[in-house]
C-alpha atoms as a PDB file:
ATOM      1  CA  GLY A   1     -82.571  30.261  -7.980  1.00  0.00           C
ATOM      2  CA  GLN A   2     -84.253  32.817  -6.103  1.00  0.00           C
ATOM      3  CA  ARG A   3     -82.145  32.550  -2.278  1.00  0.00           C
ATOM      4  CA  VAL A   4     -84.501  32.308   0.617  1.00  0.00           C
ATOM      5  CA  SER A   5     -83.702  33.313   3.779  1.00  0.00           C
ATOM      6  CA  GLY A   6     -84.616  32.095   7.163  1.00  0.00           C
ATOM      7  CA  ARG A   7     -87.346  34.720   7.671  1.00  0.00           C
ATOM      8  CA  GLN A   8     -88.711  34.515   4.124  1.00  0.00           C
ATOM      9  CA  SER A   9     -89.065  30.594   4.301  1.00  0.00           C
ATOM     10  CA  PHE A  10     -91.136  31.092   7.305  1.00  0.00           C
ATOM     11  CA  ASN A  11     -93.565  33.798   5.280  1.00  0.00           C
ATOM     12  CA  GLY A  12     -93.580  32.046   2.478  1.00  0.00           C
ATOM     13  CA  ARG A  13     -96.044  29.260   0.178  1.00  0.00           C
ATOM     14  CA  GLY A  14     -98.172  26.903   1.835  1.00  0.00           C
ATOM     15  CA  THR A  15     -96.894  25.626   5.176  1.00  0.00           C
ATOM     16  CA  SER A  16     -93.526  24.358   4.412  1.00  0.00           C
ATOM     17  CA  GLY A  17     -91.772  27.786   6.033  1.00  0.00           C
ATOM     18  CA  GLN A  18     -94.023  27.250   9.189  1.00  0.00           C
ATOM     19  CA  PHE A  19     -93.146  24.858  12.192  1.00  0.00           C
ATOM     20  CA  PRO A  20     -94.594  21.723  11.606  1.00  0.00           C
ATOM     21  CA  GLY A  21     -95.949  19.665  14.482  1.00  0.00           C
ATOM     22  CA  GLY A  22     -94.254  16.612  14.015  1.00  0.00           C
ATOM     23  CA  PHE A  23     -91.803  15.106  11.321  1.00  0.00           C
ATOM     24  CA  ARG A  24     -94.358  13.933   9.368  1.00  0.00           C
ATOM     25  CA  GLY A  25     -94.461  15.031   5.259  1.00  0.00           C
ATOM     26  CA  ALA A  26     -93.782  14.262   1.964  1.00  0.00           C
ATOM     27  CA  ASP A  27     -90.370  13.421   1.176  1.00  0.00           C
ATOM     28  CA  ARG A  28     -88.937  14.635  -2.534  1.00  0.00           C
ATOM     29  CA  GLY A  29     -90.486  11.414  -3.770  1.00  0.00           C
ATOM     30  CA  GLY A  30     -93.651  11.722  -2.340  1.00  0.00           C
ATOM     31  CA  ASN A  31     -93.722   8.655  -0.408  1.00  0.00           C
ATOM     32  CA  GLY A  32     -95.127  10.368   2.594  1.00  0.00           C
ATOM     33  CA  THR A  33     -92.351   9.898   5.780  1.00  0.00           C
ATOM     34  CA  GLY A  34     -90.074   7.735   4.319  1.00  0.00           C
ATOM     35  CA  MET A  35     -87.824   6.225   6.824  1.00  0.00           C
ATOM     36  CA  ASN A  36     -89.097   6.434  10.043  1.00  0.00           C
ATOM     37  CA  ILE A  37     -86.886   9.062  11.590  1.00  0.00           C
ATOM     38  CA  PHE A  38     -86.197   7.355  14.735  1.00  0.00           C
ATOM     39  CA  THR A  39     -85.377   4.566  12.743  1.00  0.00           C
ATOM     40  CA  TYR A  40     -82.745   6.269  10.761  1.00  0.00           C
ATOM     41  CA  TYR A  41     -81.219   7.962  13.800  1.00  0.00           C
ATOM     42  CA  ILE A  42     -80.130   5.168  15.745  1.00  0.00           C
ATOM     43  CA  ALA A  43     -78.651   3.115  12.072  1.00  0.00           C
ATOM     44  CA  THR A  44     -76.554   6.339  11.577  1.00  0.00           C
ATOM     45  CA  TYR A  45     -75.600   7.241  15.459  1.00  0.00           C
ATOM     46  CA  TYR A  46     -75.789   3.571  17.058  1.00  0.00           C
ATOM     47  CA  LEU A  47     -72.138   3.429  17.168  1.00  0.00           C
ATOM     48  CA  MET A  48     -71.593   7.052  18.477  1.00  0.00           C
ATOM     49  CA  LEU A  49     -74.318   6.114  20.921  1.00  0.00           C
ATOM     50  CA  VAL A  50     -72.171   3.486  22.329  1.00  0.00           C
ATOM     51  CA  ALA A  51     -69.204   5.021  22.619  1.00  0.00           C
ATOM     52  CA  LEU A  52     -70.535   7.883  24.644  1.00  0.00           C
ATOM     53  CA  GLY A  53     -72.538   5.212  26.712  1.00  0.00           C
ATOM     54  CA  GLY A  54     -68.947   3.778  27.250  1.00  0.00           C
ATOM     55  CA  LEU A  55     -67.143   6.735  28.103  1.00  0.00           C
ATOM     56  CA  TRP A  56     -69.793   7.855  30.378  1.00  0.00           C
ATOM     57  CA  LEU A  57     -69.717   5.118  32.792  1.00  0.00           C
ATOM     58  CA  MET A  58     -65.898   4.682  32.016  1.00  0.00           C
ATOM     59  CA  THR A  59     -65.183   8.335  34.268  1.00  0.00           C
ATOM     60  CA  ARG A  60     -68.198   7.307  36.756  1.00  0.00           C
ATOM     61  CA  LEU A  61     -66.231   4.309  37.525  1.00  0.00           C
ATOM     62  CA  ASN A  62     -62.586   5.269  37.014  1.00  0.00           C
ATOM     63  CA  SER A  63     -61.103   7.072  39.973  1.00  0.00           C
ATOM     64  CA  HIS A  64     -58.666   8.996  38.210  1.00  0.00           C
ATOM     65  CA  PHE A  65     -61.351  11.462  37.162  1.00  0.00           C
ATOM     66  CA  GLY A  66     -62.597  14.343  39.517  1.00  0.00           C
ATOM     67  CA  HIS A  67     -65.563  15.264  40.049  1.00  0.00           C
ATOM     68  CA  GLY A  68     -64.245  18.858  37.548  1.00  0.00           C
ATOM     69  CA  THR A  69     -63.078  16.417  34.984  1.00  0.00           C
ATOM     70  CA  GLN A  70     -66.527  14.254  34.634  1.00  0.00           C
ATOM     71  CA  ARG A  71     -68.511  17.534  34.501  1.00  0.00           C
ATOM     72  CA  ILE A  72     -66.746  18.462  31.306  1.00  0.00           C
ATOM     73  CA  LEU A  73     -66.539  15.524  29.889  1.00  0.00           C
ATOM     74  CA  PHE A  74     -70.628  15.082  31.092  1.00  0.00           C
ATOM     75  CA  ILE A  75     -71.200  18.494  28.904  1.00  0.00           C
ATOM     76  CA  ALA A  76     -68.966  17.713  26.036  1.00  0.00           C
ATOM     77  CA  MET A  77     -71.082  14.579  25.471  1.00  0.00           C
ATOM     78  CA  THR A  78     -74.288  16.378  26.040  1.00  0.00           C
ATOM     79  CA  GLU A  79     -73.433  18.805  23.206  1.00  0.00           C
ATOM     80  CA  LEU A  80     -72.484  15.905  21.307  1.00  0.00           C
ATOM     81  CA  LEU A  81     -75.683  14.194  21.688  1.00  0.00           C
ATOM     82  CA  ILE A  82     -78.293  17.252  20.662  1.00  0.00           C
ATOM     83  CA  LEU A  83     -75.880  18.029  17.437  1.00  0.00           C
ATOM     84  CA  SER A  84     -76.360  14.664  16.343  1.00  0.00           C
ATOM     85  CA  PHE A  85     -80.109  15.207  16.724  1.00  0.00           C
ATOM     86  CA  ALA A  86     -79.979  18.315  15.139  1.00  0.00           C
ATOM     87  CA  GLU A  87     -78.043  16.842  11.882  1.00  0.00           C
ATOM     88  CA  THR A  88     -80.786  13.869  11.783  1.00  0.00           C
ATOM     89  CA  GLY A  89     -83.614  16.839  11.931  1.00  0.00           C
ATOM     90  CA  GLU A  90     -81.491  18.714   9.003  1.00  0.00           C
ATOM     91  CA  MET A  91     -80.830  15.612   6.619  1.00  0.00           C
ATOM     92  CA  TYR A  92     -84.714  14.987   7.199  1.00  0.00           C
ATOM     93  CA  PHE A  93     -85.547  18.284   6.148  1.00  0.00           C
ATOM     94  CA  LYS A  94     -83.028  18.896   3.683  1.00  0.00           C
ATOM     95  CA  MET A  95     -85.118  16.120   1.529  1.00  0.00           C
ATOM     96  CA  GLN A  96     -88.470  18.549   1.558  1.00  0.00           C
ATOM     97  CA  PRO A  97     -89.225  20.157  -1.593  1.00  0.00           C
ATOM     98  CA  GLU A  98     -89.341  23.635   0.295  1.00  0.00           C
ATOM     99  CA  PRO A  99     -87.062  25.463   2.500  1.00  0.00           C
ATOM    100  CA  SER A 100     -88.390  25.351   6.125  1.00  0.00           C
ATOM    101  CA  MET A 101     -87.658  27.493   9.183  1.00  0.00           C
ATOM    102  CA  TRP A 102     -86.910  23.682  10.962  1.00  0.00           C
ATOM    103  CA  ARG A 103     -84.538  23.174   8.556  1.00  0.00           C
ATOM    104  CA  VAL A 104     -83.000  27.043   9.535  1.00  0.00           C
ATOM    105  CA  PHE A 105     -83.053  25.759  13.011  1.00  0.00           C
ATOM    106  CA  PHE A 106     -81.185  22.355  13.201  1.00  0.00           C
ATOM    107  CA  SER A 107     -78.516  24.234  10.874  1.00  0.00           C
ATOM    108  CA  PHE A 108     -78.396  26.720  13.025  1.00  0.00           C
ATOM    109  CA  ILE A 109     -77.948  24.414  16.188  1.00  0.00           C
ATOM    110  CA  GLY A 110     -75.275  22.095  14.247  1.00  0.00           C
ATOM    111  CA  TYR A 111     -73.301  25.463  13.422  1.00  0.00           C
ATOM    112  CA  SER A 112     -73.253  26.669  16.817  1.00  0.00           C
ATOM    113  CA  LEU A 113     -72.509  23.450  18.722  1.00  0.00           C
ATOM    114  CA  ARG A 114     -69.225  22.075  16.351  1.00  0.00           C
ATOM    115  CA  PRO A 115     -67.322  24.305  17.336  1.00  0.00           C
ATOM    116  CA  ALA A 116     -68.618  24.508  21.155  1.00  0.00           C
ATOM    117  CA  ILE A 117     -67.803  21.438  21.631  1.00  0.00           C
ATOM    118  CA  MET A 118     -64.402  21.605  21.448  1.00  0.00           C
ATOM    119  CA  LEU A 119     -64.398  25.138  24.081  1.00  0.00           C
ATOM    120  CA  SER A 120     -66.303  22.651  26.413  1.00  0.00           C
ATOM    121  CA  LEU A 121     -63.215  20.583  26.698  1.00  0.00           C
ATOM    122  CA  LEU A 122     -60.991  23.116  26.608  1.00  0.00           C
ATOM    123  CA  PRO A 123     -60.792  23.241  31.017  1.00  0.00           C
ATOM    124  CA  LEU A 124     -59.045  20.029  30.585  1.00  0.00           C
ATOM    125  CA  VAL A 125     -55.980  21.326  29.759  1.00  0.00           C
ATOM    126  CA  ILE A 126     -56.483  25.541  29.896  1.00  0.00           C
ATOM    127  CA  ARG A 127     -57.124  26.274  33.491  1.00  0.00           C
ATOM    128  CA  ASN A 128     -57.117  30.411  33.583  1.00  0.00           C
ATOM    129  CA  LYS A 129     -59.869  31.062  33.810  1.00  0.00           C
ATOM    130  CA  LYS A 130     -59.086  34.809  32.517  1.00  0.00           C
ATOM    131  CA  VAL A 131     -58.093  33.004  28.992  1.00  0.00           C
ATOM    132  CA  PHE A 132     -60.723  30.352  28.976  1.00  0.00           C
ATOM    133  CA  SER A 133     -63.470  33.626  28.950  1.00  0.00           C
ATOM    134  CA  MET A 134     -61.360  34.881  26.377  1.00  0.00           C
ATOM    135  CA  LEU A 135     -61.710  31.987  24.493  1.00  0.00           C
ATOM    136  CA  CYS A 136     -65.727  32.097  24.679  1.00  0.00           C
ATOM    137  CA  ILE A 137     -65.225  35.297  21.929  1.00  0.00           C
ATOM    138  CA  PRO A 138     -65.551  32.807  18.939  1.00  0.00           C
ATOM    139  CA  GLU A 139     -67.975  30.944  20.198  1.00  0.00           C
ATOM    140  CA  LEU A 140     -70.340  34.141  20.951  1.00  0.00           C
ATOM    141  CA  LEU A 141     -69.304  35.286  17.259  1.00  0.00           C
ATOM    142  CA  VAL A 142     -70.286  31.591  15.880  1.00  0.00           C
ATOM    143  CA  ILE A 143     -73.835  31.896  17.693  1.00  0.00           C
ATOM    144  CA  ILE A 144     -74.329  35.773  16.744  1.00  0.00           C
ATOM    145  CA  THR A 145     -73.419  35.289  12.671  1.00  0.00           C
ATOM    146  CA  TYR A 146     -75.470  32.205  12.126  1.00  0.00           C
ATOM    147  CA  ALA A 147     -78.285  33.142  13.888  1.00  0.00           C
ATOM    148  CA  THR A 148     -78.654  35.727  11.249  1.00  0.00           C
ATOM    149  CA  GLY A 149     -79.861  32.417   8.992  1.00  0.00           C
ATOM    150  CA  PHE A 150     -83.514  33.202  10.384  1.00  0.00           C
ATOM    151  CA  PHE A 151     -83.367  36.783   8.480  1.00  0.00           C
ATOM    152  CA  SER A 152     -80.812  37.381   6.628  1.00  0.00           C
ATOM    153  CA  ASP A 153     -77.943  35.475   4.004  1.00  0.00           C
ATOM    154  CA  ILE A 154     -75.059  36.373   5.233  1.00  0.00           C
ATOM    155  CA  ALA A 155     -74.058  32.892   6.617  1.00  0.00           C
ATOM    156  CA  PHE A 156     -76.088  30.986   4.876  1.00  0.00           C
ATOM    157  CA  SER A 157     -79.657  30.544   2.818  1.00  0.00           C
ATOM    158  CA  TYR A 158     -81.511  28.395   1.034  1.00  0.00           C
ATOM    159  CA  ASN A 159     -82.856  29.045  -2.536  1.00  0.00           C
ATOM    160  CA  ALA A 160     -86.198  28.273  -3.698  1.00  0.00           C
ATOM    161  CA  GLU A 161     -85.528  24.076  -4.472  1.00  0.00           C
ATOM    162  CA  ASN A 162     -84.374  24.098  -0.669  1.00  0.00           C
ATOM    163  CA  GLY A 163     -80.894  24.252  -1.977  1.00  0.00           C
ATOM    164  CA  PHE A 164     -78.378  25.372   0.186  1.00  0.00           C
ATOM    165  CA  VAL A 165     -76.761  28.664   0.037  1.00  0.00           C
ATOM    166  CA  ARG A 166     -73.545  29.572   1.227  1.00  0.00           C
ATOM    167  CA  GLY A 167     -73.358  32.895   2.236  1.00  0.00           C
ATOM    168  CA  PRO A 168     -70.230  35.305   2.899  1.00  0.00           C
ATOM    169  CA  LEU A 169     -69.649  34.575   6.252  1.00  0.00           C
ATOM    170  CA  ASN A 170     -70.403  30.894   6.355  1.00  0.00           C
ATOM    171  CA  TYR A 171     -66.795  29.755   7.375  1.00  0.00           C
ATOM    172  CA  VAL A 172     -66.820  31.386  10.384  1.00  0.00           C
ATOM    173  CA  SER A 173     -67.517  28.305  12.315  1.00  0.00           C
ATOM    174  CA  VAL A 174     -64.779  26.720  10.264  1.00  0.00           C
ATOM    175  CA  TYR A 175     -62.511  29.226  12.239  1.00  0.00           C
ATOM    176  CA  ALA A 176     -63.561  29.102  15.792  1.00  0.00           C
ATOM    177  CA  ALA A 177     -63.128  25.174  15.787  1.00  0.00           C
ATOM    178  CA  PHE A 178     -59.214  25.808  14.423  1.00  0.00           C
ATOM    179  CA  ILE A 179     -58.650  28.144  16.777  1.00  0.00           C
ATOM    180  CA  TYR A 180     -59.520  26.096  19.617  1.00  0.00           C
ATOM    181  CA  PHE A 181     -57.697  23.184  18.159  1.00  0.00           C
ATOM    182  CA  ALA A 182     -54.662  25.134  18.330  1.00  0.00           C
ATOM    183  CA  ALA A 183     -55.286  26.234  22.060  1.00  0.00           C
ATOM    184  CA  PHE A 184     -56.261  22.311  22.866  1.00  0.00           C
ATOM    185  CA  ILE A 185     -52.615  21.691  21.030  1.00  0.00           C
ATOM    186  CA  LEU A 186     -50.923  24.335  22.853  1.00  0.00           C
ATOM    187  CA  GLY A 187     -52.689  23.435  25.942  1.00  0.00           C
ATOM    188  CA  THR A 188     -51.850  19.626  26.181  1.00  0.00           C
ATOM    189  CA  ASN A 189     -47.938  20.871  24.745  1.00  0.00           C
ATOM    190  CA  ARG A 190     -47.679  22.630  28.223  1.00  0.00           C
ATOM    191  CA  PHE A 191     -48.957  19.610  30.543  1.00  0.00           C
ATOM    192  CA  PHE A 192     -46.161  17.738  28.729  1.00  0.00           C
ATOM    193  CA  ARG A 193     -43.349  20.593  29.391  1.00  0.00           C
ATOM    194  CA  GLU A 194     -44.299  20.780  32.894  1.00  0.00           C
ATOM    195  CA  ASN A 195     -44.023  16.722  33.119  1.00  0.00           C
ATOM    196  CA  ASN A 196     -47.705  16.388  34.074  1.00  0.00           C
ATOM    197  CA  TRP A 197     -47.814  13.130  31.799  1.00  0.00           C
ATOM    198  CA  GLU A 198     -50.987  12.335  33.193  1.00  0.00           C
ATOM    199  CA  GLN A 199     -53.354  15.151  32.841  1.00  0.00           C
ATOM    200  CA  ALA A 200     -51.397  15.365  29.504  1.00  0.00           C
END
């Protein structure tokens, strides 16, 4: 079918390309809102929410976590929470009969945050500010690449039936995640070599 970029779907037929006032709308089966979006979110992510709550309490109560470590973990947990919201929104608008700017928006947030979460944890093992600044470049490229989804199909787009179409640059987020994973392994290995067992 015809590919529909974010710009095209925003200017497309009816109201599907406009930012709606809320999550209400008909799903593919014409059953109104289907499952309540809040109920769906809780049912899907309750284990993650419990784990995040427990991790937050652990970092607050454990004296071994310094202020800097607490801040790093708090940023990562906040990003993970936002990612869960974005994935829920993307899943909801995936069920709609036509593409919308909301689906493009939530997809952009998801693509951007997955490697960003890994990046936010790197200061735990990489203390060199110059090295960390260089490692921010892949995330910046990720944001720029997937922002093109609002007006181009080089990263991703949706056809007229709201089906996902992978663009030639769709794997940029995966490449960035590999870079951050390798950096985390190398940084942790350095701590082991220096006998910093507690930090590693």
